[in-house]
Amino acid sequence: MFYSFIRGLVRILILIINGNTHYENKEALPDGPYVLVGPHRTWLDPVFFGLAASPRQFAVMGKDELFENPVLGWFLRHMHAFGVNRANPGPSAIKTPVRLLKQGQLSVMLFPSGSRYANDLKGGAVLIAKLAKVPIVPAVYQGPIKFSHVLLRKRITVRFGEPIEVPAGRVTDEMTAQMGLKMQQAFDAIDKEIDPNFKYVPDQKKYLAEKEEGKVK
């Protein structure tokens, strides 16, 4: 109930301040739970993915530090977010989303590049989808990187790709690499479907900060 209320409120606010949102290929979304993956380009990604995939609700990973604040922690938990220690993720980083997917009420939203600017895909999305027996759905956000540009009514597009099934068998390094390549190819194809001339330009200040922290190569 809380999730639906907040999403409805955000939808109205975006309509008022932007009014130029486009959600494409929603017919590709499965009826049941799935793992939604996308390149992490801005903090706006999960907001617009959640709006675009409505009425499906999502659980999202967040770093443990966000839950230390009592008010923010309460809000995040009611928005189905769960904490993960990024330095030492532990089994819960896999077990929690798998459990939520198996319950059937929520899908899980992941950004398998791990960083807003990293290109290498991680195997977490593959393992979670495999254990929960659900497909992986690629999605791409094209639009403002900064909230101030949302206010300028710049076009915002979220487009979904066709579901990717995890093959049978053990999740090996080879399978993970193959699935990572499939996800990246899906992101590239979706980008071109939205805009053949699209080129992602990251926020340079944040890119340099993350590079110093070792989050990007």
N, C-alpha and C. Protein backbone atom coordinates (compact mmCIF):
# COMPACT_ATOMS: atom_id res chain seq x y z
N MET A 1 0.84 -1.21 0.00
CA MET A 1 0.00 0.00 0.00
C MET A 1 0.88 1.26 0.00
N PHE A 2 1.88 1.27 0.90
CA PHE A 2 2.78 2.42 0.99
C PHE A 2 3.54 2.62 -0.32
N TYR A 3 4.06 1.52 -0.87
CA TYR A 3 4.81 1.58 -2.13
C TYR A 3 3.93 2.16 -3.24
N SER A 4 2.71 1.67 -3.35
CA SER A 4 1.80 2.14 -4.39
C SER A 4 1.47 3.62 -4.23
N PHE A 5 1.30 4.04 -2.96
CA PHE A 5 1.00 5.45 -2.70
C PHE A 5 2.16 6.34 -3.12
N ILE A 6 3.39 5.97 -2.72
CA ILE A 6 4.56 6.78 -3.06
C ILE A 6 4.77 6.81 -4.56
N ARG A 7 4.62 5.67 -5.22
CA ARG A 7 4.79 5.64 -6.67
C ARG A 7 3.75 6.51 -7.37
N GLY A 8 2.51 6.46 -6.91
CA GLY A 8 1.48 7.30 -7.48
C GLY A 8 1.77 8.77 -7.29
N LEU A 9 2.27 9.13 -6.10
CA LEU A 9 2.62 10.51 -5.81
C LEU A 9 3.76 10.99 -6.72
N VAL A 10 4.78 10.15 -6.86
CA VAL A 10 5.91 10.50 -7.73
C VAL A 10 5.45 10.64 -9.18
N ARG A 11 4.57 9.77 -9.60
CA ARG A 11 4.06 9.83 -10.98
C ARG A 11 3.38 11.17 -11.26
N ILE A 12 2.58 11.64 -10.31
CA ILE A 12 1.89 12.92 -10.46
C ILE A 12 2.89 14.07 -10.49
N LEU A 13 3.90 14.02 -9.60
CA LEU A 13 4.92 15.07 -9.57
C LEU A 13 5.70 15.13 -10.87
N ILE A 14 6.08 13.96 -11.42
CA ILE A 14 6.82 13.92 -12.67
C ILE A 14 5.97 14.45 -13.82
N LEU A 15 4.69 14.14 -13.78
CA LEU A 15 3.78 14.64 -14.81
C LEU A 15 3.71 16.17 -14.78
N ILE A 16 3.71 16.72 -13.58
CA ILE A 16 3.62 18.17 -13.43
C ILE A 16 4.91 18.87 -13.82
N ILE A 17 6.05 18.34 -13.34
CA ILE A 17 7.31 19.05 -13.55
C ILE A 17 8.01 18.70 -14.85
N ASN A 18 7.62 17.55 -15.46
CA ASN A 18 8.28 17.15 -16.70
C ASN A 18 7.27 16.91 -17.83
N GLY A 19 6.38 15.96 -17.64
CA GLY A 19 5.33 15.72 -18.63
C GLY A 19 5.84 15.23 -19.97
N ASN A 20 7.06 14.68 -19.99
CA ASN A 20 7.63 14.24 -21.27
C ASN A 20 8.28 12.86 -21.08
N THR A 21 7.55 11.95 -20.42
CA THR A 21 8.05 10.60 -20.17
C THR A 21 7.44 9.62 -21.15
N HIS A 22 8.25 8.66 -21.57
CA HIS A 22 7.82 7.66 -22.56
C HIS A 22 8.30 6.29 -22.11
N TYR A 23 7.36 5.36 -21.94
CA TYR A 23 7.67 4.01 -21.50
C TYR A 23 7.36 3.04 -22.64
N GLU A 24 8.38 2.38 -23.16
CA GLU A 24 8.25 1.63 -24.40
C GLU A 24 8.45 0.12 -24.19
N ASN A 25 7.73 -0.65 -25.00
CA ASN A 25 7.81 -2.12 -25.05
C ASN A 25 7.45 -2.78 -23.73
N LYS A 26 6.45 -2.24 -23.05
CA LYS A 26 5.99 -2.84 -21.79
C LYS A 26 5.41 -4.23 -22.01
N GLU A 27 4.99 -4.51 -23.25
CA GLU A 27 4.42 -5.83 -23.54
C GLU A 27 5.45 -6.95 -23.39
N ALA A 28 6.73 -6.59 -23.33
CA ALA A 28 7.78 -7.60 -23.15
C ALA A 28 7.88 -8.08 -21.71
N LEU A 29 7.28 -7.36 -20.77
CA LEU A 29 7.40 -7.71 -19.36
C LEU A 29 6.63 -8.98 -19.03
N PRO A 30 7.25 -9.91 -18.31
CA PRO A 30 6.55 -11.15 -17.92
C PRO A 30 5.41 -10.86 -16.95
N ASP A 31 4.49 -11.80 -16.87
CA ASP A 31 3.38 -11.65 -15.92
C ASP A 31 3.83 -11.88 -14.48
N GLY A 32 4.80 -12.78 -14.31
CA GLY A 32 5.28 -13.11 -12.98
C GLY A 32 6.53 -12.32 -12.62
N PRO A 33 7.15 -12.67 -11.49
CA PRO A 33 8.35 -11.96 -11.04
C PRO A 33 9.53 -12.16 -11.98
N TYR A 34 10.44 -11.21 -11.95
CA TYR A 34 11.64 -11.27 -12.79
C TYR A 34 12.72 -10.38 -12.18
N VAL A 35 13.92 -10.50 -12.71
CA VAL A 35 15.02 -9.63 -12.31
C VAL A 35 15.18 -8.56 -13.39
N LEU A 36 14.93 -7.33 -13.02
CA LEU A 36 15.08 -6.21 -13.96
C LEU A 36 16.50 -5.66 -13.84
N VAL A 37 17.20 -5.60 -14.96
CA VAL A 37 18.58 -5.10 -14.95
C VAL A 37 18.73 -3.94 -15.93
N GLY A 38 19.64 -3.05 -15.61
CA GLY A 38 19.89 -1.92 -16.50
C GLY A 38 21.23 -1.27 -16.18
N PRO A 39 21.79 -0.53 -17.12
CA PRO A 39 23.01 0.23 -16.84
C PRO A 39 22.70 1.37 -15.89
N HIS A 40 23.52 1.56 -14.87
CA HIS A 40 23.25 2.56 -13.84
C HIS A 40 23.88 3.90 -14.25
N ARG A 41 23.06 4.78 -14.81
CA ARG A 41 23.56 6.04 -15.35
C ARG A 41 23.32 7.23 -14.43
N THR A 42 22.36 7.12 -13.55
CA THR A 42 22.00 8.23 -12.68
C THR A 42 21.16 7.68 -11.53
N TRP A 43 21.05 8.44 -10.44
CA TRP A 43 20.19 8.00 -9.35
C TRP A 43 18.73 8.00 -9.75
N LEU A 44 18.42 8.59 -10.89
CA LEU A 44 17.05 8.61 -11.38
C LEU A 44 16.62 7.27 -12.00
N ASP A 45 17.58 6.42 -12.36
CA ASP A 45 17.27 5.13 -12.99
C ASP A 45 16.20 4.34 -12.25
N PRO A 46 16.42 4.01 -10.98
CA PRO A 46 15.42 3.17 -10.30
C PRO A 46 14.06 3.84 -10.18
N VAL A 47 14.03 5.15 -10.09
CA VAL A 47 12.76 5.86 -9.99
C VAL A 47 11.93 5.64 -11.25
N PHE A 48 12.54 5.86 -12.40
CA PHE A 48 11.79 5.75 -13.66
C PHE A 48 11.58 4.31 -14.09
N PHE A 49 12.48 3.40 -13.72
CA PHE A 49 12.22 1.99 -13.98
C PHE A 49 10.99 1.54 -13.20
N GLY A 50 10.91 1.98 -11.94
CA GLY A 50 9.76 1.62 -11.11
C GLY A 50 8.46 2.18 -11.64
N LEU A 51 8.50 3.41 -12.16
CA LEU A 51 7.30 4.00 -12.76
C LEU A 51 6.92 3.28 -14.04
N ALA A 52 7.91 2.97 -14.86
CA ALA A 52 7.65 2.39 -16.18
C ALA A 52 7.07 0.98 -16.07
N ALA A 53 7.51 0.21 -15.08
CA ALA A 53 7.09 -1.19 -14.97
C ALA A 53 5.84 -1.38 -14.12
N SER A 54 5.21 -0.30 -13.70
CA SER A 54 3.97 -0.38 -12.92
C SER A 54 2.95 -1.25 -13.66
N PRO A 55 2.18 -2.08 -12.95
CA PRO A 55 1.96 -2.11 -11.49
C PRO A 55 2.90 -3.03 -10.72
N ARG A 56 3.87 -3.65 -11.39
CA ARG A 56 4.81 -4.51 -10.69
C ARG A 56 5.60 -3.71 -9.66
N GLN A 57 5.78 -4.27 -8.47
CA GLN A 57 6.57 -3.63 -7.42
C GLN A 57 7.93 -4.31 -7.32
N PHE A 58 8.94 -3.54 -6.87
CA PHE A 58 10.31 -4.02 -6.89
C PHE A 58 10.99 -3.91 -5.54
N ALA A 59 11.84 -4.88 -5.27
CA ALA A 59 12.79 -4.79 -4.18
C ALA A 59 14.11 -4.33 -4.77
N VAL A 60 14.81 -3.45 -4.06
CA VAL A 60 16.06 -2.88 -4.55
C VAL A 60 17.12 -2.99 -3.47
N MET A 61 18.34 -3.34 -3.87
CA MET A 61 19.46 -3.36 -2.92
C MET A 61 19.93 -1.95 -2.61
N GLY A 62 20.33 -1.74 -1.38
CA GLY A 62 20.92 -0.47 -0.98
C GLY A 62 22.05 -0.72 -0.01
N LYS A 63 23.03 0.16 0.05
CA LYS A 63 24.14 -0.06 0.97
C LYS A 63 23.67 0.09 2.41
N ASP A 64 24.26 -0.69 3.29
CA ASP A 64 23.85 -0.75 4.69
C ASP A 64 23.78 0.62 5.37
N GLU A 65 24.71 1.50 4.99
CA GLU A 65 24.77 2.81 5.64
C GLU A 65 23.47 3.60 5.51
N LEU A 66 22.75 3.38 4.43
CA LEU A 66 21.50 4.12 4.21
C LEU A 66 20.45 3.77 5.25
N PHE A 67 20.55 2.57 5.82
CA PHE A 67 19.54 2.11 6.76
C PHE A 67 19.86 2.49 8.20
N GLU A 68 21.01 3.11 8.40
CA GLU A 68 21.40 3.50 9.75
C GLU A 68 20.58 4.68 10.27
N ASN A 69 20.15 5.54 9.35
CA ASN A 69 19.27 6.65 9.72
C ASN A 69 17.87 6.10 9.97
N PRO A 70 17.30 6.29 11.15
CA PRO A 70 16.01 5.68 11.48
C PRO A 70 14.88 6.07 10.52
N VAL A 71 14.82 7.34 10.14
CA VAL A 71 13.74 7.80 9.27
C VAL A 71 13.93 7.26 7.86
N LEU A 72 15.14 7.44 7.31
CA LEU A 72 15.42 6.96 5.96
C LEU A 72 15.32 5.44 5.91
N GLY A 73 15.81 4.77 6.94
CA GLY A 73 15.74 3.32 6.99
C GLY A 73 14.30 2.83 6.97
N TRP A 74 13.44 3.49 7.75
CA TRP A 74 12.01 3.12 7.78
C TRP A 74 11.39 3.28 6.39
N PHE A 75 11.69 4.40 5.74
CA PHE A 75 11.15 4.67 4.41
C PHE A 75 11.62 3.62 3.41
N LEU A 76 12.92 3.33 3.42
CA LEU A 76 13.48 2.38 2.46
C LEU A 76 12.89 0.99 2.64
N ARG A 77 12.74 0.57 3.87
CA ARG A 77 12.18 -0.76 4.13
C ARG A 77 10.74 -0.85 3.64
N HIS A 78 9.99 0.22 3.81
CA HIS A 78 8.61 0.21 3.34
C HIS A 78 8.52 0.32 1.81
N MET A 79 9.65 0.68 1.19
CA MET A 79 9.72 0.69 -0.28
C MET A 79 10.38 -0.60 -0.78
N HIS A 80 10.42 -1.61 0.08
CA HIS A 80 10.94 -2.95 -0.24
C HIS A 80 12.45 -2.98 -0.45
N ALA A 81 13.18 -1.96 -0.01
CA ALA A 81 14.63 -1.98 -0.14
C ALA A 81 15.24 -2.83 0.98
N PHE A 82 16.40 -3.39 0.72
CA PHE A 82 17.10 -4.17 1.74
C PHE A 82 18.59 -3.84 1.68
N GLY A 83 19.24 -3.90 2.84
CA GLY A 83 20.62 -3.47 2.94
C GLY A 83 21.63 -4.56 2.62
N VAL A 84 22.75 -4.14 2.03
CA VAL A 84 23.85 -5.05 1.70
C VAL A 84 25.16 -4.36 2.05
N ASN A 85 26.05 -5.11 2.69
CA ASN A 85 27.39 -4.60 2.95
C ASN A 85 28.21 -4.76 1.67
N ARG A 86 28.49 -3.66 1.00
CA ARG A 86 29.13 -3.75 -0.31
C ARG A 86 30.57 -4.20 -0.23
N ALA A 87 31.23 -3.93 0.90
CA ALA A 87 32.61 -4.37 1.05
C ALA A 87 32.67 -5.88 1.27
N ASN A 88 31.72 -6.40 2.06
CA ASN A 88 31.62 -7.84 2.32
C ASN A 88 30.16 -8.26 2.19
N PRO A 89 29.67 -8.47 0.97
CA PRO A 89 28.24 -8.70 0.74
C PRO A 89 27.65 -9.86 1.54
N GLY A 90 28.32 -10.99 1.62
CA GLY A 90 27.79 -12.12 2.38
C GLY A 90 26.65 -12.81 1.66
N PRO A 91 26.20 -13.96 2.18
CA PRO A 91 25.14 -14.76 1.54
C PRO A 91 23.82 -14.02 1.40
N SER A 92 23.52 -13.08 2.31
CA SER A 92 22.22 -12.40 2.27
C SER A 92 22.03 -11.59 0.99
N ALA A 93 23.13 -11.18 0.36
CA ALA A 93 23.03 -10.41 -0.88
C ALA A 93 22.38 -11.23 -1.98
N ILE A 94 22.47 -12.55 -1.86
CA ILE A 94 21.83 -13.46 -2.82
C ILE A 94 20.54 -14.04 -2.24
N LYS A 95 20.60 -14.47 -0.98
CA LYS A 95 19.45 -15.16 -0.38
C LYS A 95 18.22 -14.27 -0.27
N THR A 96 18.42 -13.01 0.12
CA THR A 96 17.27 -12.12 0.30
C THR A 96 16.49 -11.89 -0.99
N PRO A 97 17.13 -11.47 -2.10
CA PRO A 97 16.36 -11.29 -3.33
C PRO A 97 15.76 -12.59 -3.87
N VAL A 98 16.47 -13.71 -3.69
CA VAL A 98 15.92 -15.00 -4.15
C VAL A 98 14.65 -15.32 -3.38
N ARG A 99 14.68 -15.11 -2.06
CA ARG A 99 13.49 -15.38 -1.24
C ARG A 99 12.32 -14.50 -1.67
N LEU A 100 12.61 -13.21 -1.91
CA LEU A 100 11.54 -12.29 -2.30
C LEU A 100 10.95 -12.68 -3.66
N LEU A 101 11.78 -13.10 -4.58
CA LEU A 101 11.29 -13.51 -5.90
C LEU A 101 10.44 -14.78 -5.80
N LYS A 102 10.88 -15.72 -4.98
CA LYS A 102 10.13 -16.97 -4.85
C LYS A 102 8.77 -16.76 -4.21
N GLN A 103 8.66 -15.71 -3.38
CA GLN A 103 7.36 -15.42 -2.77
C GLN A 103 6.35 -14.94 -3.81
N GLY A 104 6.85 -14.43 -4.93
CA GLY A 104 5.99 -14.13 -6.08
C GLY A 104 5.35 -12.77 -6.12
N GLN A 105 5.47 -11.98 -5.04
CA GLN A 105 4.81 -10.68 -5.00
C GLN A 105 5.67 -9.56 -5.57
N LEU A 106 6.98 -9.70 -5.46
CA LEU A 106 7.89 -8.65 -5.89
C LEU A 106 8.84 -9.14 -6.97
N SER A 107 9.26 -8.23 -7.82
CA SER A 107 10.40 -8.45 -8.68
C SER A 107 11.60 -7.76 -8.03
N VAL A 108 12.78 -7.99 -8.57
CA VAL A 108 14.00 -7.41 -8.02
C VAL A 108 14.67 -6.56 -9.08
N MET A 109 15.09 -5.37 -8.70
CA MET A 109 15.76 -4.44 -9.62
C MET A 109 17.24 -4.39 -9.26
N LEU A 110 18.08 -4.68 -10.24
CA LEU A 110 19.52 -4.70 -10.03
C LEU A 110 20.22 -3.89 -11.12
N PHE A 111 21.37 -3.36 -10.75
CA PHE A 111 22.22 -2.67 -11.73
C PHE A 111 23.53 -3.44 -11.76
N PRO A 112 23.63 -4.47 -12.62
CA PRO A 112 24.73 -5.43 -12.54
C PRO A 112 26.09 -4.87 -12.88
N SER A 113 26.16 -3.64 -13.40
CA SER A 113 27.48 -3.04 -13.62
C SER A 113 28.11 -2.67 -12.28
N GLY A 114 27.28 -2.62 -11.23
CA GLY A 114 27.80 -2.39 -9.87
C GLY A 114 28.10 -0.94 -9.58
N SER A 115 28.50 -0.19 -10.58
CA SER A 115 28.80 1.23 -10.43
C SER A 115 28.12 1.98 -11.56
N ARG A 116 27.91 3.25 -11.34
CA ARG A 116 27.25 4.04 -12.35
C ARG A 116 28.06 4.11 -13.65
N TYR A 117 29.36 3.88 -13.56
CA TYR A 117 30.21 4.08 -14.72
C TYR A 117 31.01 2.84 -15.13
N ALA A 118 30.88 1.74 -14.40
CA ALA A 118 31.63 0.53 -14.73
C ALA A 118 30.98 -0.19 -15.90
N ASN A 119 31.80 -0.88 -16.70
CA ASN A 119 31.29 -1.60 -17.87
C ASN A 119 31.19 -3.10 -17.63
N ASP A 120 31.96 -3.61 -16.68
CA ASP A 120 31.96 -5.06 -16.47
C ASP A 120 30.73 -5.48 -15.68
N LEU A 121 30.00 -6.47 -16.22
CA LEU A 121 28.79 -6.95 -15.57
C LEU A 121 29.14 -8.01 -14.53
N LYS A 122 28.40 -8.02 -13.47
CA LYS A 122 28.63 -8.96 -12.39
C LYS A 122 27.70 -10.17 -12.51
N GLY A 123 28.08 -11.24 -11.81
CA GLY A 123 27.30 -12.47 -11.91
C GLY A 123 26.14 -12.55 -10.94
N GLY A 124 25.98 -11.54 -10.07
CA GLY A 124 24.92 -11.61 -9.07
C GLY A 124 23.53 -11.74 -9.67
N ALA A 125 23.26 -10.98 -10.71
CA ALA A 125 21.93 -11.01 -11.35
C ALA A 125 21.65 -12.39 -11.93
N VAL A 126 22.68 -13.00 -12.52
CA VAL A 126 22.53 -14.32 -13.12
C VAL A 126 22.23 -15.36 -12.04
N LEU A 127 23.01 -15.34 -10.96
CA LEU A 127 22.82 -16.32 -9.89
C LEU A 127 21.46 -16.16 -9.23
N ILE A 128 21.05 -14.92 -8.98
CA ILE A 128 19.74 -14.68 -8.35
C ILE A 128 18.61 -15.19 -9.23
N ALA A 129 18.67 -14.86 -10.52
CA ALA A 129 17.63 -15.31 -11.45
C ALA A 129 17.61 -16.83 -11.55
N LYS A 130 18.79 -17.44 -11.56
CA LYS A 130 18.90 -18.89 -11.66
C LYS A 130 18.26 -19.57 -10.45
N LEU A 131 18.63 -19.13 -9.25
CA LEU A 131 18.12 -19.76 -8.03
C LEU A 131 16.63 -19.53 -7.85
N ALA A 132 16.15 -18.37 -8.27
CA ALA A 132 14.72 -18.05 -8.12
C ALA A 132 13.89 -18.59 -9.28
N LYS A 133 14.57 -19.06 -10.34
CA LYS A 133 13.89 -19.61 -11.53
C LYS A 133 13.01 -18.56 -12.19
N VAL A 134 13.59 -17.38 -12.40
CA VAL A 134 12.87 -16.29 -13.07
C VAL A 134 13.75 -15.74 -14.20
N PRO A 135 13.15 -15.08 -15.19
CA PRO A 135 13.95 -14.50 -16.27
C PRO A 135 14.60 -13.18 -15.87
N ILE A 136 15.55 -12.77 -16.68
CA ILE A 136 16.18 -11.45 -16.55
C ILE A 136 15.62 -10.55 -17.64
N VAL A 137 15.17 -9.36 -17.24
CA VAL A 137 14.61 -8.42 -18.21
C VAL A 137 15.53 -7.19 -18.29
N PRO A 138 16.13 -6.94 -19.46
CA PRO A 138 16.98 -5.75 -19.60
C PRO A 138 16.14 -4.50 -19.84
N ALA A 139 16.59 -3.39 -19.32
CA ALA A 139 15.90 -2.11 -19.51
C ALA A 139 16.93 -1.00 -19.60
N VAL A 140 16.57 0.06 -20.29
CA VAL A 140 17.48 1.19 -20.47
C VAL A 140 16.75 2.49 -20.20
N TYR A 141 17.43 3.38 -19.51
CA TYR A 141 16.93 4.75 -19.27
C TYR A 141 17.74 5.71 -20.13
N GLN A 142 17.05 6.51 -20.91
CA GLN A 142 17.68 7.63 -21.61
C GLN A 142 16.96 8.90 -21.20
N GLY A 143 17.71 9.84 -20.69
CA GLY A 143 17.09 11.08 -20.23
C GLY A 143 18.07 11.89 -19.41
N PRO A 144 17.57 12.87 -18.70
CA PRO A 144 18.42 13.73 -17.90
C PRO A 144 19.21 12.95 -16.86
N ILE A 145 20.47 13.32 -16.68
CA ILE A 145 21.29 12.73 -15.63
C ILE A 145 21.10 13.49 -14.32
N LYS A 146 20.80 14.77 -14.45
CA LYS A 146 20.59 15.63 -13.28
C LYS A 146 19.11 15.97 -13.13
N PHE A 147 18.68 16.09 -11.88
CA PHE A 147 17.27 16.40 -11.62
C PHE A 147 16.89 17.77 -12.18
N SER A 148 17.83 18.70 -12.19
CA SER A 148 17.54 20.03 -12.72
C SER A 148 17.11 19.98 -14.19
N HIS A 149 17.63 18.99 -14.92
CA HIS A 149 17.26 18.86 -16.33
C HIS A 149 15.88 18.22 -16.49
N VAL A 150 15.45 17.47 -15.48
CA VAL A 150 14.07 16.95 -15.48
C VAL A 150 13.10 18.12 -15.47
N LEU A 151 13.46 19.15 -14.69
CA LEU A 151 12.61 20.34 -14.58
C LEU A 151 12.54 21.12 -15.89
N LEU A 152 13.51 20.90 -16.77
CA LEU A 152 13.52 21.58 -18.08
C LEU A 152 12.64 20.85 -19.09
N ARG A 153 11.95 19.81 -18.62
CA ARG A 153 11.01 19.04 -19.44
C ARG A 153 11.71 18.33 -20.60
N LYS A 154 12.95 17.93 -20.36
CA LYS A 154 13.66 17.14 -21.36
C LYS A 154 13.05 15.74 -21.45
N ARG A 155 13.10 15.15 -22.62
CA ARG A 155 12.49 13.85 -22.85
C ARG A 155 13.13 12.78 -21.98
N ILE A 156 12.29 11.92 -21.42
CA ILE A 156 12.73 10.77 -20.62
C ILE A 156 12.13 9.52 -21.24
N THR A 157 12.98 8.55 -21.56
CA THR A 157 12.51 7.31 -22.16
C THR A 157 13.05 6.11 -21.39
N VAL A 158 12.16 5.20 -21.05
CA VAL A 158 12.54 3.89 -20.53
C VAL A 158 12.00 2.86 -21.50
N ARG A 159 12.87 1.98 -21.96
CA ARG A 159 12.44 0.93 -22.88
C ARG A 159 12.90 -0.42 -22.35
N PHE A 160 12.01 -1.40 -22.43
CA PHE A 160 12.31 -2.74 -21.97
C PHE A 160 12.70 -3.63 -23.14
N GLY A 161 13.61 -4.57 -22.87
CA GLY A 161 13.99 -5.55 -23.87
C GLY A 161 13.28 -6.87 -23.63
N GLU A 162 13.53 -7.82 -24.49
CA GLU A 162 12.92 -9.13 -24.35
C GLU A 162 13.58 -9.88 -23.19
N PRO A 163 12.80 -10.68 -22.44
CA PRO A 163 13.36 -11.43 -21.31
C PRO A 163 14.49 -12.36 -21.75
N ILE A 164 15.48 -12.51 -20.89
CA ILE A 164 16.61 -13.40 -21.13
C ILE A 164 16.51 -14.55 -20.13
N GLU A 165 16.42 -15.77 -20.64
CA GLU A 165 16.33 -16.94 -19.78
C GLU A 165 17.74 -17.40 -19.40
N VAL A 166 17.91 -17.76 -18.13
CA VAL A 166 19.18 -18.30 -17.67
C VAL A 166 19.24 -19.77 -18.08
N PRO A 167 20.28 -20.21 -18.77
CA PRO A 167 20.35 -21.60 -19.24
C PRO A 167 20.45 -22.59 -18.10
N ALA A 168 20.09 -23.83 -18.40
CA ALA A 168 20.17 -24.90 -17.40
C ALA A 168 21.63 -25.20 -17.07
N GLY A 169 21.84 -25.83 -15.93
CA GLY A 169 23.19 -26.20 -15.53
C GLY A 169 23.75 -25.29 -14.45
N ARG A 170 24.95 -25.58 -14.02
CA ARG A 170 25.60 -24.80 -12.96
C ARG A 170 25.94 -23.39 -13.46
N VAL A 171 25.96 -22.46 -12.52
CA VAL A 171 26.38 -21.09 -12.84
C VAL A 171 27.90 -21.04 -12.77
N THR A 172 28.53 -21.22 -13.91
CA THR A 172 29.98 -21.21 -14.00
C THR A 172 30.47 -19.82 -14.41
N ASP A 173 31.77 -19.63 -14.34
CA ASP A 173 32.35 -18.37 -14.80
C ASP A 173 32.06 -18.14 -16.27
N GLU A 174 32.09 -19.24 -17.04
CA GLU A 174 31.81 -19.12 -18.48
C GLU A 174 30.37 -18.70 -18.72
N MET A 175 29.43 -19.32 -17.99
CA MET A 175 28.02 -18.94 -18.15
C MET A 175 27.81 -17.49 -17.74
N THR A 176 28.42 -17.09 -16.63
CA THR A 176 28.29 -15.72 -16.16
C THR A 176 28.79 -14.73 -17.20
N ALA A 177 29.93 -15.05 -17.81
CA ALA A 177 30.49 -14.17 -18.84
C ALA A 177 29.57 -14.09 -20.05
N GLN A 178 29.00 -15.23 -20.45
CA GLN A 178 28.10 -15.26 -21.59
C GLN A 178 26.83 -14.45 -21.31
N MET A 179 26.29 -14.62 -20.10
CA MET A 179 25.09 -13.88 -19.73
C MET A 179 25.38 -12.39 -19.61
N GLY A 180 26.57 -12.06 -19.08
CA GLY A 180 26.96 -10.66 -19.01
C GLY A 180 27.03 -10.03 -20.38
N LEU A 181 27.56 -10.79 -21.35
CA LEU A 181 27.64 -10.30 -22.72
C LEU A 181 26.25 -10.12 -23.31
N LYS A 182 25.35 -11.05 -23.03
CA LYS A 182 23.97 -10.93 -23.52
C LYS A 182 23.29 -9.69 -22.96
N MET A 183 23.51 -9.43 -21.67
CA MET A 183 22.90 -8.25 -21.06
C MET A 183 23.45 -6.97 -21.68
N GLN A 184 24.77 -6.92 -21.86
CA GLN A 184 25.37 -5.73 -22.44
C GLN A 184 24.90 -5.53 -23.88
N GLN A 185 24.79 -6.61 -24.63
CA GLN A 185 24.29 -6.51 -26.01
C GLN A 185 22.84 -6.03 -26.03
N ALA A 186 22.06 -6.49 -25.04
CA ALA A 186 20.67 -6.03 -24.95
C ALA A 186 20.61 -4.54 -24.64
N PHE A 187 21.45 -4.08 -23.70
CA PHE A 187 21.47 -2.65 -23.39
C PHE A 187 21.82 -1.82 -24.63
N ASP A 188 22.84 -2.27 -25.36
CA ASP A 188 23.28 -1.53 -26.56
C ASP A 188 22.17 -1.49 -27.61
N ALA A 189 21.49 -2.64 -27.79
CA ALA A 189 20.42 -2.71 -28.79
C ALA A 189 19.26 -1.81 -28.41
N ILE A 190 18.90 -1.81 -27.13
CA ILE A 190 17.78 -0.98 -26.67
C ILE A 190 18.11 0.50 -26.83
N ASP A 191 19.35 0.86 -26.49
CA ASP A 191 19.78 2.25 -26.68
C ASP A 191 19.58 2.69 -28.13
N LYS A 192 19.96 1.83 -29.06
CA LYS A 192 19.84 2.17 -30.48
C LYS A 192 18.38 2.22 -30.93
N GLU A 193 17.55 1.36 -30.33
CA GLU A 193 16.13 1.37 -30.67
C GLU A 193 15.48 2.68 -30.23
N ILE A 194 15.91 3.20 -29.10
CA ILE A 194 15.37 4.48 -28.62
C ILE A 194 15.90 5.63 -29.46
N ASP A 195 17.22 5.64 -29.63
CA ASP A 195 17.88 6.72 -30.37
C ASP A 195 19.19 6.19 -30.97
N PRO A 196 19.24 5.99 -32.29
CA PRO A 196 20.44 5.45 -32.93
C PRO A 196 21.69 6.31 -32.69
N ASN A 197 21.51 7.57 -32.36
CA ASN A 197 22.65 8.47 -32.16
C ASN A 197 23.00 8.68 -30.69
N PHE A 198 22.36 7.91 -29.80
CA PHE A 198 22.56 8.12 -28.37
C PHE A 198 23.98 7.77 -27.95
N LYS A 199 24.56 8.60 -27.10
CA LYS A 199 25.85 8.32 -26.49
C LYS A 199 25.79 8.79 -25.05
N TYR A 200 26.05 7.87 -24.13
CA TYR A 200 25.99 8.20 -22.71
C TYR A 200 27.22 9.00 -22.29
N VAL A 201 26.98 10.15 -21.68
CA VAL A 201 28.06 11.00 -21.19
C VAL A 201 27.88 11.13 -19.68
N PRO A 202 28.77 10.48 -18.88
CA PRO A 202 28.60 10.52 -17.43
C PRO A 202 28.95 11.88 -16.84
N ASP A 203 28.46 12.09 -15.61
CA ASP A 203 28.83 13.27 -14.85
C ASP A 203 30.31 13.15 -14.49
N GLN A 204 31.14 14.04 -15.00
CA GLN A 204 32.59 13.90 -14.86
C GLN A 204 33.05 13.99 -13.40
N LYS A 205 32.46 14.84 -12.61
CA LYS A 205 32.87 14.97 -11.21
C LYS A 205 32.64 13.67 -10.45
N LYS A 206 31.47 13.08 -10.66
CA LYS A 206 31.16 11.83 -9.98
C LYS A 206 32.01 10.69 -10.53
N TYR A 207 32.27 10.73 -11.84
CA TYR A 207 33.12 9.71 -12.45
C TYR A 207 34.52 9.73 -11.84
N LEU A 208 35.09 10.91 -11.72
CA LEU A 208 36.44 11.04 -11.16
C LEU A 208 36.47 10.63 -9.69
N ALA A 209 35.41 10.98 -8.96
CA ALA A 209 35.34 10.61 -7.55
C ALA A 209 35.29 9.10 -7.39
N GLU A 210 34.47 8.43 -8.20
CA GLU A 210 34.36 6.98 -8.12
C GLU A 210 35.65 6.31 -8.60
N LYS A 211 36.32 6.93 -9.56
CA LYS A 211 37.58 6.38 -10.04
C LYS A 211 38.64 6.41 -8.93
N GLU A 212 38.67 7.48 -8.17
CA GLU A 212 39.61 7.58 -7.05
C GLU A 212 39.32 6.55 -5.98
N GLU A 213 38.03 6.21 -5.82
CA GLU A 213 37.64 5.22 -4.82
C GLU A 213 37.84 3.79 -5.33
N GLY A 214 38.23 3.67 -6.60
CA GLY A 214 38.47 2.35 -7.15
C GLY A 214 37.23 1.65 -7.63
N LYS A 215 36.11 2.38 -7.78
CA LYS A 215 34.86 1.77 -8.21
C LYS A 215 34.79 1.61 -9.72
N VAL A 216 35.63 2.33 -10.44
CA VAL A 216 35.68 2.19 -11.88
C VAL A 216 37.12 2.03 -12.30
N LYS A 217 37.30 1.45 -13.49
CA LYS A 217 38.66 1.21 -13.98
C LYS A 217 39.13 2.40 -14.81
